[in-house]
Amino acid sequence: MQSKNKNMKLLEAIDKFLRHCEVAKNQSAKTIENYAHYLHRFMDFLDTKEIVPERFRMEELTLDLVEDYRLYLNRYSVEEGAKKGKKLSKKTQSYHLIALRALLKYLTKIDIETLAPEKIELPKIGQRSVEYLTREEVELLFQAVDEASHSGPRDRAMLEMLYSTGLRVSELVNLNRNDINLERREFMVRGKGDKPRLVFLSERAAGILKKYLSTREDHFGPLFISYSRGKSEDTMASGKIDITKGEEKRLSTVSVQEIARRHGRLAGLVKPVTPHKLRHSFATELLHNGADIRAVQELLGHASITTTQVYTHVTNRHLKEVHEKFHR
């Protein structure tokens, strides 16, 4: 039987784990960034215990130390920025412990002696709920877009696409014009973990997207571009779309979020409008109209049905309506 390695230090373990997440598990850059952030906070905690993180060995991790870490997270206050003085939510505390547990699972798998990951219990968190826009609110949002303005056709097409497809904002901004089949009203995207999925456009969304593209005087590849520097200066004689050009004009996720918020305010909506709220609205509309939750899981690109089950508030409400209609 192979003996376990007792000599791995924390810094080496974190480095190996993050590389494993990137190469072997093919996790997104954002996921790896979050893991690094949470695990470095564990190193900050060790400093408060007068333990030198660079010398800390994984075999030294005990359940008592983890319990002290939980207390540290519960009492932790953000030290700078707009959230200065704010405590970590139970959900955020849970993310820190999930990251630590993921590290321990990896180390156990490669036979490094450390604390058993299953000994770390996650805090109980209340059932997550989602905010979404009703169909009426969505229509008000669309109507708030001034389509006679220079950026109006783009903004309307972008909002329609978010609602029609349930795309994540990162998926939306990475789209190129050549990706979209307007005749079939479908296209492929690669979501989290580089997982491909087929996405469908409603007839109305396809028509509005086609209208927006007809206003484009450039031949840049990105589907949605920034107009902040004025109209594009593209003198390509061929008239063919060049996906290698215009990257500097590609609309950023932050810009899309700001555009959604701005039109939400113009529409007079009380709820703040975000791209992710339009994704929630897409899923809610499907389920409210009787779609199967497994189909919604596929359309959203969720790896696990558990993630999709956050929308059960919709199906529960629908069941109540059925009960009231048919039970006497």
C-alpha atoms as a PDB file:
ATOM      1  CA  MET A   1       0.000   0.000   0.000  1.00  0.00           C
ATOM      2  CA  GLN A   2       1.364   3.401  -1.010  1.00  0.00           C
ATOM      3  CA  SER A   3       2.267   5.633   1.947  1.00  0.00           C
ATOM      4  CA  LYS A   4       0.996   9.189   1.960  1.00  0.00           C
ATOM      5  CA  ASN A   5       3.284  12.150   1.404  1.00  0.00           C
ATOM      6  CA  LYS A   6       3.523  14.228   4.583  1.00  0.00           C
ATOM      7  CA  ASN A   7       5.719  17.017   3.342  1.00  0.00           C
ATOM      8  CA  MET A   8       3.568  19.188   1.076  1.00  0.00           C
ATOM      9  CA  LYS A   9       3.339  22.806   2.128  1.00  0.00           C
ATOM     10  CA  LEU A  10       0.233  24.952   1.712  1.00  0.00           C
ATOM     11  CA  LEU A  11       1.618  27.208  -1.048  1.00  0.00           C
ATOM     12  CA  GLU A  12       2.700  24.241  -3.154  1.00  0.00           C
ATOM     13  CA  ALA A  13      -0.648  22.540  -2.562  1.00  0.00           C
ATOM     14  CA  ILE A  14      -2.612  25.619  -3.692  1.00  0.00           C
ATOM     15  CA  ASP A  15      -0.437  26.012  -6.781  1.00  0.00           C
ATOM     16  CA  LYS A  16      -0.863  22.332  -7.768  1.00  0.00           C
ATOM     17  CA  PHE A  17      -4.613  22.498  -7.114  1.00  0.00           C
ATOM     18  CA  LEU A  18      -5.152  25.617  -9.249  1.00  0.00           C
ATOM     19  CA  ARG A  19      -3.156  24.108 -12.122  1.00  0.00           C
ATOM     20  CA  HIS A  20      -5.231  20.922 -11.811  1.00  0.00           C
ATOM     21  CA  CYS A  21      -8.434  23.017 -12.036  1.00  0.00           C
ATOM     22  CA  GLU A  22      -7.168  24.723 -15.194  1.00  0.00           C
ATOM     23  CA  VAL A  23      -5.632  21.793 -17.055  1.00  0.00           C
ATOM     24  CA  ALA A  24      -7.353  18.599 -15.877  1.00  0.00           C
ATOM     25  CA  LYS A  25     -10.782  19.973 -14.981  1.00  0.00           C
ATOM     26  CA  ASN A  26     -10.850  22.700 -17.641  1.00  0.00           C
ATOM     27  CA  GLN A  27     -12.556  25.112 -15.261  1.00  0.00           C
ATOM     28  CA  SER A  28     -13.110  28.728 -16.232  1.00  0.00           C
ATOM     29  CA  ALA A  29     -10.611  31.485 -15.473  1.00  0.00           C
ATOM     30  CA  LYS A  30     -13.198  33.092 -13.177  1.00  0.00           C
ATOM     31  CA  THR A  31     -13.647  29.898 -11.152  1.00  0.00           C
ATOM     32  CA  ILE A  32      -9.876  29.547 -10.741  1.00  0.00           C
ATOM     33  CA  GLU A  33      -9.601  33.218  -9.775  1.00  0.00           C
ATOM     34  CA  ASN A  34     -12.285  32.715  -7.110  1.00  0.00           C
ATOM     35  CA  TYR A  35     -10.578  29.598  -5.726  1.00  0.00           C
ATOM     36  CA  ALA A  36      -7.291  31.530  -5.487  1.00  0.00           C
ATOM     37  CA  HIS A  37      -9.019  34.425  -3.707  1.00  0.00           C
ATOM     38  CA  TYR A  38     -10.728  32.204  -1.125  1.00  0.00           C
ATOM     39  CA  LEU A  39      -7.632  30.080  -0.460  1.00  0.00           C
ATOM     40  CA  HIS A  40      -5.429  33.141  -0.015  1.00  0.00           C
ATOM     41  CA  ARG A  41      -7.871  34.372   2.603  1.00  0.00           C
ATOM     42  CA  PHE A  42      -7.149  31.139   4.489  1.00  0.00           C
ATOM     43  CA  MET A  43      -3.497  32.179   4.390  1.00  0.00           C
ATOM     44  CA  ASP A  44      -4.487  35.592   5.823  1.00  0.00           C
ATOM     45  CA  PHE A  45      -6.256  33.722   8.611  1.00  0.00           C
ATOM     46  CA  LEU A  46      -3.096  31.724   9.392  1.00  0.00           C
ATOM     47  CA  ASP A  47      -1.234  35.031   9.774  1.00  0.00           C
ATOM     48  CA  THR A  48      -3.688  36.075  12.492  1.00  0.00           C
ATOM     49  CA  LYS A  49      -2.859  32.834  14.347  1.00  0.00           C
ATOM     50  CA  GLU A  50       0.865  33.678  14.073  1.00  0.00           C
ATOM     51  CA  ILE A  51       1.318  30.706  11.741  1.00  0.00           C
ATOM     52  CA  VAL A  52       3.628  31.400   8.798  1.00  0.00           C
ATOM     53  CA  PRO A  53       1.628  30.327   5.694  1.00  0.00           C
ATOM     54  CA  GLU A  54       4.810  29.623   3.705  1.00  0.00           C
ATOM     55  CA  ARG A  55       5.891  27.053   6.309  1.00  0.00           C
ATOM     56  CA  PHE A  56       2.482  25.521   6.995  1.00  0.00           C
ATOM     57  CA  ARG A  57       2.268  21.831   5.981  1.00  0.00           C
ATOM     58  CA  MET A  58      -1.012  20.266   4.924  1.00  0.00           C
ATOM     59  CA  GLU A  59      -0.668  17.469   7.483  1.00  0.00           C
ATOM     60  CA  GLU A  60      -0.879  20.179  10.196  1.00  0.00           C
ATOM     61  CA  LEU A  61      -4.434  21.131   9.243  1.00  0.00           C
ATOM     62  CA  THR A  62      -6.808  20.088  12.039  1.00  0.00           C
ATOM     63  CA  LEU A  63     -10.529  20.329  12.580  1.00  0.00           C
ATOM     64  CA  ASP A  64      -9.920  22.761  15.450  1.00  0.00           C
ATOM     65  CA  LEU A  65      -8.026  25.042  13.084  1.00  0.00           C
ATOM     66  CA  VAL A  66     -10.890  24.854  10.572  1.00  0.00           C
ATOM     67  CA  GLU A  67     -13.371  25.776  13.319  1.00  0.00           C
ATOM     68  CA  ASP A  68     -11.223  28.806  14.172  1.00  0.00           C
ATOM     69  CA  TYR A  69     -11.248  29.701  10.472  1.00  0.00           C
ATOM     70  CA  ARG A  70     -15.055  29.520  10.413  1.00  0.00           C
ATOM     71  CA  LEU A  71     -15.165  31.932  13.350  1.00  0.00           C
ATOM     72  CA  TYR A  72     -12.676  34.212  11.576  1.00  0.00           C
ATOM     73  CA  LEU A  73     -14.891  34.285   8.456  1.00  0.00           C
ATOM     74  CA  ASN A  74     -18.010  34.960  10.519  1.00  0.00           C
ATOM     75  CA  ARG A  75     -16.371  37.963  12.177  1.00  0.00           C
ATOM     76  CA  TYR A  76     -14.490  39.186   9.113  1.00  0.00           C
ATOM     77  CA  SER A  77     -15.187  42.733   7.890  1.00  0.00           C
ATOM     78  CA  VAL A  78     -14.220  44.041   4.458  1.00  0.00           C
ATOM     79  CA  GLU A  79     -11.333  46.431   4.991  1.00  0.00           C
ATOM     80  CA  GLU A  80     -11.447  48.660   1.909  1.00  0.00           C
ATOM     81  CA  GLY A  81     -13.508  49.865  -1.009  1.00  0.00           C
ATOM     82  CA  ALA A  82     -17.222  50.596  -1.217  1.00  0.00           C
ATOM     83  CA  LYS A  83     -18.049  47.621   1.029  1.00  0.00           C
ATOM     84  CA  LYS A  84     -15.679  48.657   3.830  1.00  0.00           C
ATOM     85  CA  GLY A  85     -16.924  47.429   7.202  1.00  0.00           C
ATOM     86  CA  LYS A  86     -19.417  44.976   5.646  1.00  0.00           C
ATOM     87  CA  LYS A  87     -19.540  41.429   7.039  1.00  0.00           C
ATOM     88  CA  LEU A  88     -19.289  38.345   4.844  1.00  0.00           C
ATOM     89  CA  SER A  89     -22.657  36.777   4.097  1.00  0.00           C
ATOM     90  CA  LYS A  90     -23.269  33.141   5.023  1.00  0.00           C
ATOM     91  CA  LYS A  91     -23.207  32.354   1.319  1.00  0.00           C
ATOM     92  CA  THR A  92     -19.759  33.940   0.882  1.00  0.00           C
ATOM     93  CA  GLN A  93     -18.470  32.183   3.998  1.00  0.00           C
ATOM     94  CA  SER A  94     -19.683  28.948   2.462  1.00  0.00           C
ATOM     95  CA  TYR A  95     -17.730  29.644  -0.749  1.00  0.00           C
ATOM     96  CA  HIS A  96     -14.518  29.965   1.304  1.00  0.00           C
ATOM     97  CA  LEU A  97     -15.110  26.586   2.912  1.00  0.00           C
ATOM     98  CA  ILE A  98     -16.078  24.986  -0.407  1.00  0.00           C
ATOM     99  CA  ALA A  99     -12.733  26.132  -1.839  1.00  0.00           C
ATOM    100  CA  LEU A 100     -10.830  24.688   1.114  1.00  0.00           C
ATOM    101  CA  ARG A 101     -12.749  21.423   0.869  1.00  0.00           C
ATOM    102  CA  ALA A 102     -12.059  21.220  -2.891  1.00  0.00           C
ATOM    103  CA  LEU A 103      -8.344  21.641  -2.169  1.00  0.00           C
ATOM    104  CA  LEU A 104      -8.460  18.827   0.396  1.00  0.00           C
ATOM    105  CA  LYS A 105     -10.358  16.534  -2.006  1.00  0.00           C
ATOM    106  CA  TYR A 106      -7.665  17.034  -4.605  1.00  0.00           C
ATOM    107  CA  LEU A 107      -4.855  16.410  -2.106  1.00  0.00           C
ATOM    108  CA  THR A 108      -6.554  13.258  -0.826  1.00  0.00           C
ATOM    109  CA  LYS A 109      -6.833  12.038  -4.416  1.00  0.00           C
ATOM    110  CA  ILE A 110      -3.077  12.428  -4.990  1.00  0.00           C
ATOM    111  CA  ASP A 111      -2.224  10.813  -1.623  1.00  0.00           C
ATOM    112  CA  ILE A 112      -1.134  13.891   0.323  1.00  0.00           C
ATOM    113  CA  GLU A 113      -1.717  13.527   4.045  1.00  0.00           C
ATOM    114  CA  THR A 114      -4.179  16.146   5.252  1.00  0.00           C
ATOM    115  CA  LEU A 115      -7.550  16.594   6.945  1.00  0.00           C
ATOM    116  CA  ALA A 116     -10.376  14.503   5.437  1.00  0.00           C
ATOM    117  CA  PRO A 117     -12.478  16.896   3.301  1.00  0.00           C
ATOM    118  CA  GLU A 118     -15.799  15.421   4.479  1.00  0.00           C
ATOM    119  CA  LYS A 119     -15.041  16.654   7.995  1.00  0.00           C
ATOM    120  CA  ILE A 120     -15.621  20.230   6.853  1.00  0.00           C
ATOM    121  CA  GLU A 121     -19.330  20.952   7.153  1.00  0.00           C
ATOM    122  CA  LEU A 122     -20.819  23.824   5.210  1.00  0.00           C
ATOM    123  CA  PRO A 123     -23.028  26.413   6.955  1.00  0.00           C
ATOM    124  CA  LYS A 124     -26.761  26.057   6.428  1.00  0.00           C
ATOM    125  CA  ILE A 125     -28.038  28.678   4.015  1.00  0.00           C
ATOM    126  CA  GLY A 126     -31.651  29.592   3.424  1.00  0.00           C
ATOM    127  CA  GLN A 127     -33.157  28.471   0.128  1.00  0.00           C
ATOM    128  CA  ARG A 128     -31.992  30.725  -2.673  1.00  0.00           C
ATOM    129  CA  SER A 129     -34.619  32.721  -4.507  1.00  0.00           C
ATOM    130  CA  VAL A 130     -34.290  34.492  -7.836  1.00  0.00           C
ATOM    131  CA  GLU A 131     -35.577  37.840  -8.993  1.00  0.00           C
ATOM    132  CA  TYR A 132     -37.001  38.070 -12.479  1.00  0.00           C
ATOM    133  CA  LEU A 133     -38.983  40.416 -14.675  1.00  0.00           C
ATOM    134  CA  THR A 134     -42.581  39.669 -15.603  1.00  0.00           C
ATOM    135  CA  ARG A 135     -43.485  39.591 -19.288  1.00  0.00           C
ATOM    136  CA  GLU A 136     -45.093  43.023 -18.888  1.00  0.00           C
ATOM    137  CA  GLU A 137     -41.904  44.438 -17.334  1.00  0.00           C
ATOM    138  CA  VAL A 138     -39.800  42.934 -20.120  1.00  0.00           C
ATOM    139  CA  GLU A 139     -41.982  44.634 -22.739  1.00  0.00           C
ATOM    140  CA  LEU A 140     -41.647  47.972 -20.917  1.00  0.00           C
ATOM    141  CA  LEU A 141     -37.868  47.484 -20.969  1.00  0.00           C
ATOM    142  CA  PHE A 142     -37.867  46.904 -24.720  1.00  0.00           C
ATOM    143  CA  GLN A 143     -40.112  49.916 -25.340  1.00  0.00           C
ATOM    144  CA  ALA A 144     -37.721  52.149 -23.373  1.00  0.00           C
ATOM    145  CA  VAL A 145     -35.040  51.720 -26.055  1.00  0.00           C
ATOM    146  CA  ASP A 146     -34.872  54.631 -28.501  1.00  0.00           C
ATOM    147  CA  GLU A 147     -34.337  52.715 -31.723  1.00  0.00           C
ATOM    148  CA  ALA A 148     -33.884  55.951 -33.652  1.00  0.00           C
ATOM    149  CA  SER A 149     -30.647  56.636 -31.763  1.00  0.00           C
ATOM    150  CA  HIS A 150     -27.275  55.435 -33.049  1.00  0.00           C
ATOM    151  CA  SER A 151     -26.956  52.674 -30.428  1.00  0.00           C
ATOM    152  CA  GLY A 152     -30.699  51.935 -30.178  1.00  0.00           C
ATOM    153  CA  PRO A 153     -30.872  49.005 -32.658  1.00  0.00           C
ATOM    154  CA  ARG A 154     -27.866  47.391 -30.960  1.00  0.00           C
ATOM    155  CA  ASP A 155     -29.303  47.828 -27.450  1.00  0.00           C
ATOM    156  CA  ARG A 156     -32.713  46.471 -28.430  1.00  0.00           C
ATOM    157  CA  ALA A 157     -31.175  43.460 -30.188  1.00  0.00           C
ATOM    158  CA  MET A 158     -28.924  42.776 -27.216  1.00  0.00           C
ATOM    159  CA  LEU A 159     -31.782  42.888 -24.670  1.00  0.00           C
ATOM    160  CA  GLU A 160     -34.027  40.778 -26.912  1.00  0.00           C
ATOM    161  CA  MET A 161     -31.279  38.176 -27.286  1.00  0.00           C
ATOM    162  CA  LEU A 162     -30.680  37.940 -23.544  1.00  0.00           C
ATOM    163  CA  TYR A 163     -34.381  37.361 -22.922  1.00  0.00           C
ATOM    164  CA  SER A 164     -34.956  35.083 -25.931  1.00  0.00           C
ATOM    165  CA  THR A 165     -31.976  32.786 -25.290  1.00  0.00           C
ATOM    166  CA  GLY A 166     -31.148  32.933 -21.559  1.00  0.00           C
ATOM    167  CA  LEU A 167     -27.490  33.514 -22.431  1.00  0.00           C
ATOM    168  CA  ARG A 168     -24.972  34.396 -19.750  1.00  0.00           C
ATOM    169  CA  VAL A 169     -23.541  37.880 -20.352  1.00  0.00           C
ATOM    170  CA  SER A 170     -20.081  36.368 -20.958  1.00  0.00           C
ATOM    171  CA  GLU A 171     -21.565  34.114 -23.658  1.00  0.00           C
ATOM    172  CA  LEU A 172     -23.326  37.046 -25.291  1.00  0.00           C
ATOM    173  CA  VAL A 173     -20.271  39.307 -25.580  1.00  0.00           C
ATOM    174  CA  ASN A 174     -18.142  36.490 -27.043  1.00  0.00           C
ATOM    175  CA  LEU A 175     -20.485  35.990 -29.997  1.00  0.00           C
ATOM    176  CA  ASN A 176     -19.366  36.828 -33.528  1.00  0.00           C
ATOM    177  CA  ARG A 177     -21.642  37.701 -36.427  1.00  0.00           C
ATOM    178  CA  ASN A 178     -20.642  34.506 -38.247  1.00  0.00           C
ATOM    179  CA  ASP A 179     -21.829  32.422 -35.272  1.00  0.00           C
ATOM    180  CA  ILE A 180     -25.505  33.225 -35.827  1.00  0.00           C
ATOM    181  CA  ASN A 181     -27.718  31.359 -38.309  1.00  0.00           C
ATOM    182  CA  LEU A 182     -30.613  33.785 -38.735  1.00  0.00           C
ATOM    183  CA  GLU A 183     -32.445  31.500 -41.170  1.00  0.00           C
ATOM    184  CA  ARG A 184     -32.539  28.572 -38.752  1.00  0.00           C
ATOM    185  CA  ARG A 185     -32.690  30.944 -35.747  1.00  0.00           C
ATOM    186  CA  GLU A 186     -30.076  28.964 -33.824  1.00  0.00           C
ATOM    187  CA  PHE A 187     -26.389  28.950 -32.941  1.00  0.00           C
ATOM    188  CA  MET A 188     -23.848  27.219 -30.727  1.00  0.00           C
ATOM    189  CA  VAL A 189     -22.198  28.699 -27.638  1.00  0.00           C
ATOM    190  CA  ARG A 190     -19.590  27.364 -25.258  1.00  0.00           C
ATOM    191  CA  GLY A 191     -20.614  27.910 -21.661  1.00  0.00           C
ATOM    192  CA  LYS A 192     -18.974  27.116 -18.358  1.00  0.00           C
ATOM    193  CA  GLY A 193     -16.273  24.486 -18.608  1.00  0.00           C
ATOM    194  CA  ASP A 194     -16.174  25.085 -22.377  1.00  0.00           C
ATOM    195  CA  LYS A 195     -19.314  22.951 -22.690  1.00  0.00           C
ATOM    196  CA  PRO A 196     -21.107  23.478 -26.043  1.00  0.00           C
ATOM    197  CA  ARG A 197     -24.863  23.889 -26.275  1.00  0.00           C
ATOM    198  CA  LEU A 198     -27.392  24.768 -28.932  1.00  0.00           C
ATOM    199  CA  VAL A 199     -29.232  28.077 -28.442  1.00  0.00           C
ATOM    200  CA  PHE A 200     -32.449  29.155 -30.141  1.00  0.00           C
ATOM    201  CA  LEU A 201     -33.772  32.600 -31.072  1.00  0.00           C
ATOM    202  CA  SER A 202     -37.440  33.530 -31.087  1.00  0.00           C
ATOM    203  CA  GLU A 203     -38.809  34.768 -34.404  1.00  0.00           C
ATOM    204  CA  ARG A 204     -39.103  38.302 -33.025  1.00  0.00           C
ATOM    205  CA  ALA A 205     -35.565  38.324 -31.606  1.00  0.00           C
ATOM    206  CA  ALA A 206     -34.165  37.058 -34.922  1.00  0.00           C
ATOM    207  CA  GLY A 207     -35.969  39.825 -36.794  1.00  0.00           C
ATOM    208  CA  ILE A 208     -34.685  42.534 -34.437  1.00  0.00           C
ATOM    209  CA  LEU A 209     -31.145  41.141 -34.605  1.00  0.00           C
ATOM    210  CA  LYS A 210     -31.329  41.169 -38.424  1.00  0.00           C
ATOM    211  CA  LYS A 211     -32.516  44.786 -38.316  1.00  0.00           C
ATOM    212  CA  TYR A 212     -29.583  45.749 -36.064  1.00  0.00           C
ATOM    213  CA  LEU A 213     -27.045  44.042 -38.318  1.00  0.00           C
ATOM    214  CA  SER A 214     -28.423  45.930 -41.322  1.00  0.00           C
ATOM    215  CA  THR A 215     -27.388  49.185 -39.589  1.00  0.00           C
ATOM    216  CA  ARG A 216     -23.765  48.065 -39.266  1.00  0.00           C
ATOM    217  CA  GLU A 217     -21.479  49.847 -41.734  1.00  0.00           C
ATOM    218  CA  ASP A 218     -18.391  47.936 -40.659  1.00  0.00           C
ATOM    219  CA  HIS A 219     -17.225  44.392 -41.383  1.00  0.00           C
ATOM    220  CA  PHE A 220     -15.934  43.599 -37.901  1.00  0.00           C
ATOM    221  CA  GLY A 221     -16.457  40.128 -36.489  1.00  0.00           C
ATOM    222  CA  PRO A 222     -17.946  40.817 -32.997  1.00  0.00           C
ATOM    223  CA  LEU A 223     -21.743  40.664 -32.899  1.00  0.00           C
ATOM    224  CA  PHE A 224     -22.062  43.542 -30.451  1.00  0.00           C
ATOM    225  CA  ILE A 225     -19.622  46.429 -30.673  1.00  0.00           C
ATOM    226  CA  SER A 226     -19.002  49.630 -28.744  1.00  0.00           C
ATOM    227  CA  TYR A 227     -19.927  52.964 -30.308  1.00  0.00           C
ATOM    228  CA  SER A 228     -18.044  54.986 -27.706  1.00  0.00           C
ATOM    229  CA  ARG A 229     -15.451  56.107 -30.261  1.00  0.00           C
ATOM    230  CA  GLY A 230     -17.962  57.061 -32.904  1.00  0.00           C
ATOM    231  CA  LYS A 231     -18.781  55.105 -36.043  1.00  0.00           C
ATOM    232  CA  SER A 232     -16.431  52.368 -37.156  1.00  0.00           C
ATOM    233  CA  GLU A 233     -13.909  53.279 -39.830  1.00  0.00           C
ATOM    234  CA  ASP A 234     -13.726  50.109 -41.875  1.00  0.00           C
ATOM    235  CA  THR A 235     -12.639  50.394 -45.472  1.00  0.00           C
ATOM    236  CA  MET A 236     -12.488  46.710 -46.388  1.00  0.00           C
ATOM    237  CA  ALA A 237     -13.297  46.482 -50.068  1.00  0.00           C
ATOM    238  CA  SER A 238     -14.335  42.830 -50.065  1.00  0.00           C
ATOM    239  CA  GLY A 239     -17.430  43.413 -47.967  1.00  0.00           C
ATOM    240  CA  LYS A 240     -16.800  40.137 -46.134  1.00  0.00           C
ATOM    241  CA  ILE A 241     -16.988  39.941 -42.369  1.00  0.00           C
ATOM    242  CA  ASP A 242     -13.532  39.572 -40.862  1.00  0.00           C
ATOM    243  CA  ILE A 243     -13.660  37.921 -37.441  1.00  0.00           C
ATOM    244  CA  THR A 244     -10.018  38.817 -36.870  1.00  0.00           C
ATOM    245  CA  LYS A 245     -10.834  42.534 -36.895  1.00  0.00           C
ATOM    246  CA  GLY A 246     -12.648  44.736 -34.412  1.00  0.00           C
ATOM    247  CA  GLU A 247     -11.680  42.991 -31.177  1.00  0.00           C
ATOM    248  CA  GLU A 248     -10.979  46.368 -29.591  1.00  0.00           C
ATOM    249  CA  LYS A 249     -14.583  47.325 -30.429  1.00  0.00           C
ATOM    250  CA  ARG A 250     -16.171  44.212 -28.864  1.00  0.00           C
ATOM    251  CA  LEU A 251     -18.671  45.230 -26.193  1.00  0.00           C
ATOM    252  CA  SER A 252     -17.534  44.291 -22.667  1.00  0.00           C
ATOM    253  CA  THR A 253     -19.628  42.536 -20.011  1.00  0.00           C
ATOM    254  CA  VAL A 254     -19.506  45.710 -17.879  1.00  0.00           C
ATOM    255  CA  SER A 255     -20.890  47.748 -20.789  1.00  0.00           C
ATOM    256  CA  VAL A 256     -23.742  45.275 -21.328  1.00  0.00           C
ATOM    257  CA  GLN A 257     -24.605  45.415 -17.617  1.00  0.00           C
ATOM    258  CA  GLU A 258     -24.655  49.217 -17.680  1.00  0.00           C
ATOM    259  CA  ILE A 259     -26.828  49.298 -20.827  1.00  0.00           C
ATOM    260  CA  ALA A 260     -29.347  46.928 -19.187  1.00  0.00           C
ATOM    261  CA  ARG A 261     -29.430  49.032 -15.992  1.00  0.00           C
ATOM    262  CA  ARG A 262     -29.841  52.289 -17.925  1.00  0.00           C
ATOM    263  CA  HIS A 263     -32.785  51.054 -19.975  1.00  0.00           C
ATOM    264  CA  GLY A 264     -34.358  49.592 -16.827  1.00  0.00           C
ATOM    265  CA  ARG A 265     -34.265  53.049 -15.270  1.00  0.00           C
ATOM    266  CA  LEU A 266     -35.659  54.637 -18.457  1.00  0.00           C
ATOM    267  CA  ALA A 267     -38.500  52.101 -18.386  1.00  0.00           C
ATOM    268  CA  GLY A 268     -39.338  53.166 -14.828  1.00  0.00           C
ATOM    269  CA  LEU A 269     -38.872  49.663 -13.457  1.00  0.00           C
ATOM    270  CA  VAL A 270     -38.460  49.396  -9.690  1.00  0.00           C
ATOM    271  CA  LYS A 271     -36.324  46.259  -9.969  1.00  0.00           C
ATOM    272  CA  PRO A 272     -32.728  46.844 -11.085  1.00  0.00           C
ATOM    273  CA  VAL A 273     -32.298  45.250 -14.522  1.00  0.00           C
ATOM    274  CA  THR A 274     -29.254  43.042 -15.125  1.00  0.00           C
ATOM    275  CA  PRO A 275     -28.372  40.563 -17.884  1.00  0.00           C
ATOM    276  CA  HIS A 276     -28.608  37.746 -15.339  1.00  0.00           C
ATOM    277  CA  LYS A 277     -32.098  38.870 -14.333  1.00  0.00           C
ATOM    278  CA  LEU A 278     -33.116  38.536 -17.975  1.00  0.00           C
ATOM    279  CA  ARG A 279     -31.676  35.002 -17.881  1.00  0.00           C
ATOM    280  CA  HIS A 280     -33.856  34.315 -14.828  1.00  0.00           C
ATOM    281  CA  SER A 281     -36.828  35.807 -16.685  1.00  0.00           C
ATOM    282  CA  PHE A 282     -36.186  33.500 -19.657  1.00  0.00           C
ATOM    283  CA  ALA A 283     -36.217  30.398 -17.418  1.00  0.00           C
ATOM    284  CA  THR A 284     -39.227  31.600 -15.430  1.00  0.00           C
ATOM    285  CA  GLU A 285     -41.267  32.241 -18.573  1.00  0.00           C
ATOM    286  CA  LEU A 286     -40.498  28.753 -19.901  1.00  0.00           C
ATOM    287  CA  LEU A 287     -41.456  26.990 -16.684  1.00  0.00           C
ATOM    288  CA  HIS A 288     -44.558  29.096 -16.137  1.00  0.00           C
ATOM    289  CA  ASN A 289     -45.763  28.056 -19.581  1.00  0.00           C
ATOM    290  CA  GLY A 290     -45.275  24.374 -18.800  1.00  0.00           C
ATOM    291  CA  ALA A 291     -41.729  23.569 -19.955  1.00  0.00           C
ATOM    292  CA  ASP A 292     -40.054  20.525 -18.386  1.00  0.00           C
ATOM    293  CA  ILE A 293     -37.352  21.469 -15.876  1.00  0.00           C
ATOM    294  CA  ARG A 294     -34.871  19.078 -17.546  1.00  0.00           C
ATOM    295  CA  ALA A 295     -35.344  20.898 -20.846  1.00  0.00           C
ATOM    296  CA  VAL A 296     -34.793  24.245 -19.094  1.00  0.00           C
ATOM    297  CA  GLN A 297     -31.614  22.819 -17.566  1.00  0.00           C
ATOM    298  CA  GLU A 298     -30.304  22.059 -21.076  1.00  0.00           C
ATOM    299  CA  LEU A 299     -31.321  25.447 -22.456  1.00  0.00           C
ATOM    300  CA  LEU A 300     -29.572  27.279 -19.602  1.00  0.00           C
ATOM    301  CA  GLY A 301     -26.455  25.111 -19.841  1.00  0.00           C
ATOM    302  CA  HIS A 302     -26.582  24.000 -16.195  1.00  0.00           C
ATOM    303  CA  ALA A 303     -24.324  21.032 -15.452  1.00  0.00           C
ATOM    304  CA  SER A 304     -26.570  19.919 -12.587  1.00  0.00           C
ATOM    305  CA  ILE A 305     -30.364  19.865 -12.244  1.00  0.00           C
ATOM    306  CA  THR A 306     -29.832  21.135  -8.675  1.00  0.00           C
ATOM    307  CA  THR A 307     -28.841  24.534 -10.078  1.00  0.00           C
ATOM    308  CA  THR A 308     -32.015  24.700 -12.171  1.00  0.00           C
ATOM    309  CA  GLN A 309     -34.195  23.759  -9.208  1.00  0.00           C
ATOM    310  CA  VAL A 310     -33.759  27.293  -7.862  1.00  0.00           C
ATOM    311  CA  TYR A 311     -36.680  28.060 -10.187  1.00  0.00           C
ATOM    312  CA  THR A 312     -39.077  25.708  -8.385  1.00  0.00           C
ATOM    313  CA  HIS A 313     -40.902  28.775  -7.032  1.00  0.00           C
ATOM    314  CA  VAL A 314     -42.386  29.034 -10.515  1.00  0.00           C
ATOM    315  CA  THR A 315     -43.472  25.427 -10.824  1.00  0.00           C
ATOM    316  CA  ASN A 316     -44.828  25.521  -7.277  1.00  0.00           C
ATOM    317  CA  ARG A 317     -46.944  28.561  -8.152  1.00  0.00           C
ATOM    318  CA  HIS A 318     -48.135  26.842 -11.316  1.00  0.00           C
ATOM    319  CA  LEU A 319     -49.161  23.771  -9.290  1.00  0.00           C
ATOM    320  CA  LYS A 320     -51.163  26.032  -6.966  1.00  0.00           C
ATOM    321  CA  GLU A 321     -52.948  27.544  -9.965  1.00  0.00           C
ATOM    322  CA  VAL A 322     -53.745  24.033 -11.260  1.00  0.00           C
ATOM    323  CA  HIS A 323     -55.048  23.019  -7.829  1.00  0.00           C
ATOM    324  CA  GLU A 324     -57.273  26.099  -7.537  1.00  0.00           C
ATOM    325  CA  LYS A 325     -58.597  25.641 -11.085  1.00  0.00           C
ATOM    326  CA  PHE A 326     -59.393  21.929 -10.967  1.00  0.00           C
ATOM    327  CA  HIS A 327     -59.980  21.099  -7.296  1.00  0.00           C
ATOM    328  CA  ARG A 328     -63.414  21.918  -5.903  1.00  0.00           C
END
